[in-house]
Protein backbone atom coordinates (compact mmCIF):
# COMPACT_ATOMS: atom_id res chain seq x y z
CA MET A 1 231.66 74.40 105.61
CA PHE A 2 228.48 74.06 107.40
CA LEU A 3 225.06 76.09 107.55
CA ILE A 4 223.59 77.54 110.40
CA LEU A 5 220.36 78.35 110.69
CA LYS A 6 218.74 81.19 113.01
CA LEU A 7 214.44 80.30 113.58
CA SER A 8 213.21 82.98 115.90
CA LEU A 9 209.23 82.39 116.82
CA LYS A 10 206.79 84.93 118.29
CA THR A 11 203.84 84.41 119.45
CA HIS A 12 200.77 85.80 122.11
CA ASN A 13 200.33 81.97 123.70
CA ILE A 14 202.84 80.06 125.63
CA LYS A 15 201.48 76.94 124.84
CA ASN A 16 202.15 77.06 121.09
CA PHE A 17 205.87 77.22 122.06
CA HIS A 18 205.36 73.87 124.07
CA ASN A 19 203.87 72.28 121.13
CA PHE A 20 206.03 73.64 118.74
CA ASN A 21 208.93 72.14 121.11
CA SER A 22 207.53 68.80 121.08
CA ILE A 23 207.28 68.98 117.34
CA VAL A 24 210.74 69.68 116.86
CA LYS A 25 212.49 67.04 119.79
CA LYS A 26 210.22 64.30 117.43
CA ILE A 27 211.56 65.52 114.05
CA PHE A 28 215.61 66.31 114.72
CA LYS A 29 218.07 64.95 116.91
CA PRO A 30 219.79 66.75 119.95
CA ASP A 31 223.13 67.08 118.48
CA VAL A 32 221.64 69.06 115.12
CA TYR A 33 219.62 71.72 116.96
CA VAL A 34 220.26 74.20 119.79
CA GLY A 35 217.41 75.79 121.86
CA PRO A 36 214.82 77.04 122.42
CA ILE A 37 216.74 79.65 123.99
CA VAL A 38 213.97 82.03 126.00
CA LYS A 39 213.69 85.66 125.54
CA LYS A 40 212.44 88.62 127.74
CA LYS A 41 208.22 88.40 127.38
CA LYS A 42 207.45 91.83 126.11
CA ILE A 43 204.21 93.38 127.40
CA LYS A 44 202.07 96.10 125.23
CA LYS A 45 199.52 98.26 127.43
CA PHE A 46 196.96 100.38 126.20
CA CYS A 47 193.28 101.91 127.16
CA ILE A 48 190.36 102.87 125.59
CA LEU A 49 187.65 105.02 125.86
CA ARG A 50 184.63 103.45 127.10
CA SER A 51 182.36 106.34 126.43
CA PRO A 52 184.07 109.05 124.30
CA PHE A 53 181.29 111.71 124.83
CA LYS A 54 180.72 112.18 128.26
CA HIS A 55 182.20 109.79 130.83
CA LYS A 56 185.97 110.69 129.47
CA ASP A 57 187.46 108.99 132.77
CA SER A 58 185.71 105.42 132.10
CA ARG A 59 188.06 103.60 130.46
CA ASP A 60 189.56 99.73 130.05
CA GLN A 61 192.83 98.81 130.58
CA LEU A 62 194.08 96.04 128.06
CA GLU A 63 197.52 94.02 127.61
CA ILE A 64 198.77 92.20 125.04
CA ARG A 65 201.77 89.55 125.93
CA PHE A 66 204.60 88.62 123.16
CA PHE A 67 206.51 85.72 124.19
CA LYS A 68 210.13 84.71 121.95
CA GLU A 69 212.35 81.88 121.61
CA ILE A 70 215.15 81.27 119.28
CA PHE A 71 216.37 77.65 117.63
CA PHE A 72 219.91 77.30 116.17
CA PHE A 73 220.34 74.75 113.33
CA LYS A 74 223.16 73.26 112.28
CA LEU A 75 223.22 72.00 108.63
CA ASN A 76 226.06 70.39 107.08
CA THR A 77 224.84 71.14 103.04
CA LYS A 78 222.41 72.69 101.30
CA GLU A 79 220.49 69.44 100.54
CA ARG A 80 220.28 69.08 104.31
CA LEU A 81 218.42 72.48 104.51
CA ILE A 82 215.76 71.47 101.74
CA THR A 83 214.82 68.45 103.61
CA PHE A 84 215.04 70.70 106.58
CA ILE A 85 212.35 72.93 105.42
CA VAL A 86 210.42 70.20 104.24
CA LEU A 87 210.22 68.14 107.31
CA PHE A 88 209.58 71.37 108.69
CA LEU A 89 206.12 72.21 106.54
CA LYS A 90 205.21 68.51 106.52
CA TYR A 91 205.16 67.84 110.73
CA LEU A 92 203.96 71.87 111.34
CA PRO A 93 199.88 71.43 111.84
CA MET A 94 198.37 74.50 110.13
CA ASN A 95 196.83 75.79 113.08
CA LEU A 96 200.25 76.35 115.19
CA LEU A 97 201.22 78.03 112.39
CA GLN A 98 198.58 80.60 111.74
CA ASP A 99 199.79 81.82 115.66
CA ILE A 100 203.42 82.01 115.09
CA TYR A 101 205.21 84.62 113.62
CA PHE A 102 208.83 82.73 112.01
CA ASP A 103 212.03 84.68 111.36
CA ILE A 104 214.44 82.49 109.25
CA LYS A 105 218.22 83.52 108.55
CA ILE A 106 220.84 81.64 107.14
CA GLU A 107 224.69 82.11 108.09
CA LYS A 108 227.54 80.17 106.21
CA HIS A 109 230.22 79.41 108.44
CA PHE A 110 234.03 77.73 107.22
């Protein structure tokens, strides 16, 4: 029996992924994880009126880009899962944690 941990990352800044990838390569062996699997970027576009009173045609167009990557980690026991979480939180800098959204899912495989 082993555990598969799926780690999904989402951010606005692509440089954060490069920093995160270098940290994962430094901490873990290549046979423990698979990734990064890069997903398609999503772009949200919207318009803001500059002057809502008189000049209705004067608008600013803005966009927000979201980048997404997925890692899969293969862990043998629950103790390895706990050590993974401890190493993960120990080596990640706080400024990187502020800019990246994490989603962690754990699955059992026999």
